[in-house]
């Protein structure tokens, strides 16, 4: 093939095997994956829009959506713990549910869904598989341009303080037998164990630095639920007061991130790391935080944590979407206000500045102060 032929190939400018996938696959898997991807992408360019009329999609459309298809494959490989091209409708629906829970705009979610629909359209026409009918759809209306409910500056302070008070009880050695007996009954109920099984070490568990460190780090680093789940001790650099999140652990697997922490957060985290060493459930894992039952935190368990802290702090969340993302969105809003979009983009680990722009708005208290000045 001469150079002029290469310049007119249908896949010119389309990355068939993006670098993140190339790094995950061995040589034989790369060849297999490339072969299937070429067949799919060429079909979409020639026939994809209307197979009966040989009307294909524009190259710019295929180029953009091919990357989203590849991201879907990599998500399946992670879920299945190995390479496969046998992606099912269940995989696709599960991926949409995953996107719905993550911190993506509905526009991004909808584009991902369209990309997967193109993939399954090829599989339907070329391999005789059933048509995929997505179980979810994503609105791309005006609502996607603004962040969800977030904590105000005052509420951020109250949540941090509530985390320090959360579950704390008097020191074991400072109690007389009668007081100790009452606190044992309290701990038995709280820890869901018989009163006779409550031991002195349960006092240490009640006064743990786990929740204060989890909350403080999330307030500073705007951790997504998936990042709380993935957080490892190796991320922590106490001396420099930063988190060093490697590419393979970052939410969207795009870059390594260095995220700043306050000195007081680093101190809280250092105390937790020392305390963590004494807890048997952490012996065989480098996970930074585990629930009482030894599981990693997910969106649901984190939502319970933030709502318990709101209850303790006297923060009402009636008619509010109070979730762990409320912490993240507050960090984005106030970082944008105190610094600029570039600082917020880095702290929130956004690859695209457009994603950060939704935080470029005046917080409600600023608007209220403006009204006061207006009279």
Protein backbone atom coordinates (compact mmCIF):
# COMPACT_ATOMS: atom_id res chain seq x y z
CA UNK A 1 0.00 0.00 0.00
CA UNK A 2 1.47 3.39 -0.98
CA UNK A 3 1.18 6.60 1.04
CA UNK A 4 -1.74 7.93 -0.96
CA UNK A 5 -3.70 4.74 -0.25
CA UNK A 6 -2.93 5.04 3.48
CA UNK A 7 -4.20 8.61 3.54
CA UNK A 8 -7.64 7.54 2.30
CA UNK A 9 -8.17 4.50 4.52
CA UNK A 10 -11.58 4.72 6.26
CA UNK A 11 -9.97 4.57 9.70
CA UNK A 12 -7.51 7.40 9.08
CA UNK A 13 -7.40 9.48 12.26
CA UNK A 14 -9.36 6.95 14.33
CA UNK A 15 -7.42 5.30 17.16
CA UNK A 16 -8.29 1.62 16.91
CA UNK A 17 -6.58 0.48 20.13
CA UNK A 18 -6.14 3.44 22.52
CA UNK A 19 -3.10 3.43 24.79
CA UNK A 20 -4.97 2.55 28.04
CA UNK A 21 -6.29 -0.65 26.44
CA UNK A 22 -2.96 -1.42 24.80
CA UNK A 23 -1.32 -1.33 28.24
CA UNK A 24 -3.85 -3.81 29.63
CA UNK A 25 -3.60 -6.43 26.88
CA UNK A 26 -0.91 -8.90 25.92
CA UNK A 27 0.22 -9.16 22.29
CA UNK A 28 -2.30 -11.81 21.23
CA UNK A 29 -5.16 -10.00 22.95
CA UNK A 30 -4.16 -6.76 21.25
CA UNK A 31 -4.28 -8.43 17.82
CA UNK A 32 -7.68 -9.97 18.56
CA UNK A 33 -9.08 -6.70 19.92
CA UNK A 34 -7.69 -4.67 17.01
CA UNK A 35 -9.23 -7.06 14.50
CA UNK A 36 -12.68 -6.76 16.03
CA UNK A 37 -12.42 -3.02 16.48
CA UNK A 38 -11.42 -2.49 12.85
CA UNK A 39 -14.38 -4.55 11.63
CA UNK A 40 -16.78 -2.63 13.86
CA UNK A 41 -15.48 0.87 13.11
CA UNK A 42 -15.26 0.31 9.35
CA UNK A 43 -18.84 -1.02 9.33
CA UNK A 44 -20.04 2.05 11.24
CA UNK A 45 -18.30 4.36 8.76
CA UNK A 46 -19.81 2.62 5.72
CA UNK A 47 -23.17 1.20 6.90
CA UNK A 48 -23.79 2.30 10.47
CA UNK A 49 -26.48 4.94 10.10
CA UNK A 50 -28.64 3.05 7.61
CA UNK A 51 -27.31 -0.41 6.65
CA UNK A 52 -29.88 -0.93 3.86
CA UNK A 53 -28.72 2.22 2.07
CA UNK A 54 -25.02 1.83 2.92
CA UNK A 55 -25.19 5.16 4.74
CA UNK A 56 -22.50 5.42 7.38
CA UNK A 57 -21.77 7.75 10.25
CA UNK A 58 -19.47 10.74 9.83
CA UNK A 59 -15.85 10.06 10.64
CA UNK A 60 -15.87 12.67 13.42
CA UNK A 61 -18.80 10.86 15.06
CA UNK A 62 -17.10 7.47 14.85
CA UNK A 63 -13.79 8.89 16.06
CA UNK A 64 -15.41 10.37 19.17
CA UNK A 65 -17.64 7.43 20.02
CA UNK A 66 -14.98 4.81 19.36
CA UNK A 67 -13.17 6.07 22.48
CA UNK A 68 -16.34 5.71 24.54
CA UNK A 69 -16.80 2.15 23.23
CA UNK A 70 -13.23 1.40 24.27
CA UNK A 71 -13.91 2.79 27.75
CA UNK A 72 -16.90 0.46 27.97
CA UNK A 73 -14.77 -2.55 27.03
CA UNK A 74 -12.20 -1.63 29.68
CA UNK A 75 -14.96 -1.31 32.28
CA UNK A 76 -16.16 -4.82 31.37
CA UNK A 77 -12.62 -6.20 31.60
CA UNK A 78 -12.26 -4.73 35.06
CA UNK A 79 -15.63 -6.15 36.10
CA UNK A 80 -14.89 -9.59 34.64
CA UNK A 81 -11.25 -9.51 35.79
CA UNK A 82 -9.92 -10.28 32.33
CA UNK A 83 -10.08 -9.62 28.59
CA UNK A 84 -13.23 -10.47 26.67
CA UNK A 85 -15.03 -9.22 23.58
CA UNK A 86 -18.24 -11.05 24.54
CA UNK A 87 -19.97 -7.98 25.94
CA UNK A 88 -23.60 -8.73 26.80
CA UNK A 89 -26.73 -6.63 27.16
CA UNK A 90 -26.41 -7.13 30.92
CA UNK A 91 -22.93 -5.59 30.74
CA UNK A 92 -24.33 -2.60 28.87
CA UNK A 93 -27.19 -2.05 31.31
CA UNK A 94 -24.84 -2.43 34.28
CA UNK A 95 -22.51 0.14 32.71
CA UNK A 96 -25.37 2.64 32.39
CA UNK A 97 -26.21 2.10 36.06
CA UNK A 98 -22.55 2.71 36.89
CA UNK A 99 -22.54 5.95 34.86
CA UNK A 100 -25.73 7.08 36.61
CA UNK A 101 -24.02 6.81 40.01
CA UNK A 102 -20.78 8.51 39.04
CA UNK A 103 -20.00 12.22 38.85
CA UNK A 104 -20.63 12.64 35.12
CA UNK A 105 -22.88 15.08 33.32
CA UNK A 106 -25.98 13.65 31.69
CA UNK A 107 -24.58 14.78 28.34
CA UNK A 108 -21.53 12.55 28.88
CA UNK A 109 -23.73 9.66 30.03
CA UNK A 110 -25.98 10.04 27.01
CA UNK A 111 -23.01 10.10 24.62
CA UNK A 112 -21.68 6.92 26.24
CA UNK A 113 -25.07 5.27 25.77
CA UNK A 114 -25.15 6.28 22.09
CA UNK A 115 -21.65 4.88 21.58
CA UNK A 116 -22.65 1.54 23.10
CA UNK A 117 -25.81 1.49 20.97
CA UNK A 118 -23.61 1.84 17.88
CA UNK A 119 -21.50 -1.08 19.06
CA UNK A 120 -24.54 -3.30 19.58
CA UNK A 121 -26.04 -2.20 16.27
CA UNK A 122 -22.95 -3.60 14.54
CA UNK A 123 -23.17 -6.81 16.57
CA UNK A 124 -26.85 -7.13 15.67
CA UNK A 125 -26.37 -6.67 11.91
CA UNK A 126 -23.05 -8.48 11.46
CA UNK A 127 -23.30 -11.23 14.07
CA UNK A 128 -27.04 -11.84 14.28
CA UNK A 129 -27.34 -10.85 17.93
CA UNK A 130 -30.48 -9.37 19.46
CA UNK A 131 -31.07 -5.63 19.46
CA UNK A 132 -30.14 -3.89 22.71
CA UNK A 133 -32.94 -1.91 24.38
CA UNK A 134 -31.27 0.24 27.09
CA UNK A 135 -32.99 0.16 30.46
CA UNK A 136 -31.92 3.75 31.29
CA UNK A 137 -31.99 7.06 29.47
CA UNK A 138 -30.36 10.36 30.45
CA UNK A 139 -31.92 13.77 30.08
CA UNK A 140 -29.62 16.34 28.51
CA UNK A 141 -31.70 19.36 29.44
CA UNK A 142 -30.71 22.48 31.36
CA UNK A 143 -30.46 20.69 34.73
CA UNK A 144 -27.12 19.16 33.79
CA UNK A 145 -25.35 22.53 33.71
CA UNK A 146 -25.48 23.07 37.49
CA UNK A 147 -24.02 20.99 40.32
CA UNK A 148 -26.18 19.10 42.74
CA UNK A 149 -26.88 20.44 46.24
CA UNK A 150 -23.71 21.28 48.10
CA UNK A 151 -22.67 22.15 51.65
CA UNK A 152 -22.35 25.86 52.42
CA UNK A 153 -19.14 27.19 53.93
CA UNK A 154 -20.74 27.14 57.40
CA UNK A 155 -22.03 23.60 56.89
CA UNK A 156 -18.56 22.40 55.88
CA UNK A 157 -17.26 23.54 59.26
CA UNK A 158 -20.17 21.92 61.08
CA UNK A 159 -19.64 18.61 59.27
CA UNK A 160 -15.92 18.63 60.09
CA UNK A 161 -16.70 19.29 63.76
CA UNK A 162 -19.45 16.65 63.84
CA UNK A 163 -16.98 14.09 62.49
CA UNK A 164 -14.65 14.83 65.41
CA UNK A 165 -17.51 14.34 67.87
CA UNK A 166 -19.09 11.40 66.05
CA UNK A 167 -19.54 8.43 68.38
CA UNK A 168 -17.03 9.68 70.92
CA UNK A 169 -17.45 8.37 74.47
CA UNK A 170 -15.58 8.90 77.77
CA UNK A 171 -12.26 7.13 78.27
CA UNK A 172 -12.59 3.60 79.67
CA UNK A 173 -10.19 4.17 82.57
CA UNK A 174 -11.96 7.36 83.65
CA UNK A 175 -15.28 5.66 84.38
CA UNK A 176 -16.48 4.11 87.62
CA UNK A 177 -18.07 0.60 87.43
CA UNK A 178 -21.63 1.92 87.21
CA UNK A 179 -20.82 4.42 84.46
CA UNK A 180 -18.80 1.81 82.60
CA UNK A 181 -21.75 -0.60 82.73
CA UNK A 182 -24.06 2.00 81.17
CA UNK A 183 -21.58 2.76 78.41
CA UNK A 184 -21.14 -0.98 77.76
CA UNK A 185 -24.89 -1.22 77.18
CA UNK A 186 -24.68 1.73 74.78
CA UNK A 187 -21.77 0.21 72.87
CA UNK A 188 -23.45 -3.19 72.69
CA UNK A 189 -26.41 -1.61 70.94
CA UNK A 190 -24.24 0.55 68.70
CA UNK A 191 -21.89 -2.28 67.70
CA UNK A 192 -24.70 -4.83 67.43
CA UNK A 193 -23.10 -7.33 69.81
CA UNK A 194 -23.99 -8.82 73.21
CA UNK A 195 -23.16 -6.61 76.19
CA UNK A 196 -20.99 -9.38 77.64
CA UNK A 197 -18.81 -9.27 74.51
CA UNK A 198 -18.01 -5.54 74.77
CA UNK A 199 -14.27 -5.22 75.52
CA UNK A 200 -12.02 -2.25 76.41
CA UNK A 201 -10.78 -2.16 72.80
CA UNK A 202 -14.35 -1.33 71.74
CA UNK A 203 -13.82 2.03 73.46
CA UNK A 204 -10.93 2.66 71.07
CA UNK A 205 -13.14 1.74 68.12
CA UNK A 206 -15.78 4.21 69.28
CA UNK A 207 -13.19 7.00 69.50
CA UNK A 208 -11.55 6.10 66.20
CA UNK A 209 -9.95 8.66 63.88
CA UNK A 210 -11.42 6.84 60.86
CA UNK A 211 -14.50 9.01 60.28
CA UNK A 212 -12.71 12.31 61.06
CA UNK A 213 -9.97 11.42 58.56
CA UNK A 214 -12.46 10.22 55.94
CA UNK A 215 -14.49 13.42 56.22
CA UNK A 216 -11.51 15.79 56.40
CA UNK A 217 -9.80 14.25 53.38
CA UNK A 218 -13.05 14.28 51.40
CA UNK A 219 -13.70 17.94 52.26
CA UNK A 220 -10.22 18.90 51.04
CA UNK A 221 -9.75 16.47 48.15
CA UNK A 222 -13.40 16.36 46.99
CA UNK A 223 -13.29 12.57 46.87
CA UNK A 224 -15.87 10.84 44.74
CA UNK A 225 -17.47 7.71 46.31
CA UNK A 226 -15.46 5.50 43.91
CA UNK A 227 -12.27 7.24 45.09
CA UNK A 228 -13.14 6.61 48.74
CA UNK A 229 -13.62 2.96 47.78
CA UNK A 230 -10.27 2.81 45.95
CA UNK A 231 -8.27 4.91 48.43
CA UNK A 232 -5.06 3.20 49.56
CA UNK A 233 -2.46 3.93 52.19
CA UNK A 234 0.07 4.40 49.38
CA UNK A 235 -1.76 7.54 48.25
CA UNK A 236 -0.91 9.35 51.47
CA UNK A 237 2.06 11.71 51.74
CA UNK A 238 1.79 13.17 55.23
CA UNK A 239 5.08 15.08 55.09
CA UNK A 240 3.96 17.13 52.07
CA UNK A 241 0.24 17.14 53.03
CA UNK A 242 -0.93 15.70 49.71
CA UNK A 243 -2.64 12.68 48.22
CA UNK A 244 -0.80 11.14 45.29
CA UNK A 245 -3.45 9.31 43.28
CA UNK A 246 -1.91 7.05 40.60
CA UNK A 247 -3.44 6.86 37.15
CA UNK A 248 -4.69 3.30 37.65
CA UNK A 249 -6.66 4.36 40.75
CA UNK A 250 -8.00 7.67 39.43
CA UNK A 251 -11.72 7.74 38.75
CA UNK A 252 -11.36 8.02 34.98
CA UNK A 253 -7.91 6.47 34.49
CA UNK A 254 -6.54 9.48 32.63
CA UNK A 255 -3.75 11.02 34.72
CA UNK A 256 -1.77 10.84 37.94
CA UNK A 257 -3.05 13.43 40.41
CA UNK A 258 -1.45 15.30 43.31
CA UNK A 259 -4.17 16.73 45.55
CA UNK A 260 -3.47 19.24 48.31
CA UNK A 261 -4.60 18.80 51.93
CA UNK A 262 -4.78 21.19 54.86
CA UNK A 263 -2.18 20.64 57.57
CA UNK A 264 -4.90 19.76 60.08
CA UNK A 265 -6.26 17.17 57.65
CA UNK A 266 -2.80 15.66 57.26
CA UNK A 267 -2.52 15.50 61.07
CA UNK A 268 -5.91 13.77 61.35
CA UNK A 269 -4.91 11.33 58.62
CA UNK A 270 -1.59 10.60 60.33
CA UNK A 271 -3.39 9.74 63.56
CA UNK A 272 -5.72 7.41 61.66
CA UNK A 273 -2.83 5.64 59.93
CA UNK A 274 -1.21 4.95 63.31
CA UNK A 275 -4.50 3.74 64.76
CA UNK A 276 -5.26 1.69 61.67
CA UNK A 277 -2.16 -0.45 62.29
CA UNK A 278 -3.74 -1.81 65.48
CA UNK A 279 -6.91 -3.07 63.78
CA UNK A 280 -6.81 -6.72 62.58
CA UNK A 281 -9.27 -6.21 59.71
CA UNK A 282 -6.65 -4.05 57.95
CA UNK A 283 -3.86 -6.63 58.26
CA UNK A 284 -4.24 -8.02 54.73
CA UNK A 285 -5.29 -4.91 52.82
CA UNK A 286 -3.92 -1.50 51.92
CA UNK A 287 -7.41 0.00 51.67
CA UNK A 288 -7.42 3.27 53.57
CA UNK A 289 -10.91 2.99 55.05
CA UNK A 290 -13.20 0.01 55.67
CA UNK A 291 -16.66 -0.12 57.21
CA UNK A 292 -17.33 -1.76 60.56
CA UNK A 293 -18.01 -4.98 58.65
CA UNK A 294 -14.70 -4.93 56.77
CA UNK A 295 -16.16 -3.77 53.43
CA UNK A 296 -15.10 -0.80 51.34
CA UNK A 297 -17.37 2.23 51.47
CA UNK A 298 -19.85 2.67 48.61
CA UNK A 299 -22.29 5.43 47.66
CA UNK A 300 -25.01 4.08 49.94
CA UNK A 301 -22.84 3.67 53.05
CA UNK A 302 -21.28 7.12 52.48
CA UNK A 303 -24.73 8.65 52.12
CA UNK A 304 -25.58 7.18 55.52
CA UNK A 305 -22.40 8.68 57.00
CA UNK A 306 -23.07 12.20 55.69
CA UNK A 307 -26.69 12.12 56.81
CA UNK A 308 -25.76 10.92 60.31
CA UNK A 309 -23.27 13.77 60.53
CA UNK A 310 -25.90 16.24 59.30
CA UNK A 311 -28.24 14.99 62.03
CA UNK A 312 -25.54 15.48 64.66
CA UNK A 313 -24.63 18.93 63.30
CA UNK A 314 -28.26 20.08 63.04
CA UNK A 315 -28.10 20.45 59.26
CA UNK A 316 -31.45 19.86 57.60
CA UNK A 317 -31.41 17.91 54.35
CA UNK A 318 -35.13 17.86 53.72
CA UNK A 319 -35.76 18.80 50.08
CA UNK A 320 -32.01 18.48 49.36
CA UNK A 321 -30.05 15.84 47.49
CA UNK A 322 -27.71 15.19 50.40
CA UNK A 323 -25.09 12.63 49.41
CA UNK A 324 -21.30 12.31 49.48
CA UNK A 325 -21.25 14.39 46.29
CA UNK A 326 -22.54 17.32 48.38
CA UNK A 327 -19.03 17.47 49.86
CA UNK A 328 -17.38 17.32 46.44
CA UNK A 329 -19.62 19.98 44.95
CA UNK A 330 -19.01 22.32 47.89
CA UNK A 331 -15.23 22.00 47.41
CA UNK A 332 -15.61 22.76 43.71
CA UNK A 333 -17.83 25.78 44.34
CA UNK A 334 -15.63 27.38 46.99
CA UNK A 335 -12.32 26.52 45.34
CA UNK A 336 -13.57 28.31 42.23
CA UNK A 337 -14.60 31.28 44.36
CA UNK A 338 -11.35 31.49 46.37
CA UNK A 339 -8.93 30.73 43.55
CA UNK A 340 -10.08 30.14 39.97
CA UNK A 341 -11.37 27.48 37.61
CA UNK A 342 -7.87 26.17 36.94
CA UNK A 343 -7.28 25.50 40.64
CA UNK A 344 -10.69 23.85 40.99
CA UNK A 345 -10.08 21.74 37.88
CA UNK A 346 -6.87 20.34 39.37
CA UNK A 347 -8.23 19.83 42.88
CA UNK A 348 -11.34 18.04 41.53
CA UNK A 349 -9.31 16.05 38.99
CA UNK A 350 -11.31 17.12 35.96
CA UNK A 351 -9.65 16.41 32.63
CA UNK A 352 -11.82 18.95 30.82
CA UNK A 353 -12.22 22.58 32.02
CA UNK A 354 -15.78 22.50 30.68
CA UNK A 355 -16.67 20.03 33.44
CA UNK A 356 -15.40 22.46 36.08
CA UNK A 357 -17.29 25.42 34.64
CA UNK A 358 -20.52 24.28 36.30
CA UNK A 359 -18.96 25.43 39.61
CA UNK A 360 -18.37 28.96 38.30
CA UNK A 361 -21.37 30.46 40.08
CA UNK A 362 -21.89 32.67 43.11
CA UNK A 363 -22.62 30.66 46.28
CA UNK A 364 -26.04 31.37 47.77
CA UNK A 365 -24.63 33.37 50.72
CA UNK A 366 -22.84 35.71 48.27
CA UNK A 367 -26.11 36.32 46.47
CA UNK A 368 -27.90 36.91 49.79
CA UNK A 369 -25.23 39.45 50.83
CA UNK A 370 -25.65 41.18 47.48
CA UNK A 371 -29.39 41.48 48.09
CA UNK A 372 -28.71 42.97 51.55
CA UNK A 373 -26.45 45.58 49.99
CA UNK A 374 -29.04 46.34 47.32
CA UNK A 375 -31.62 47.14 50.02
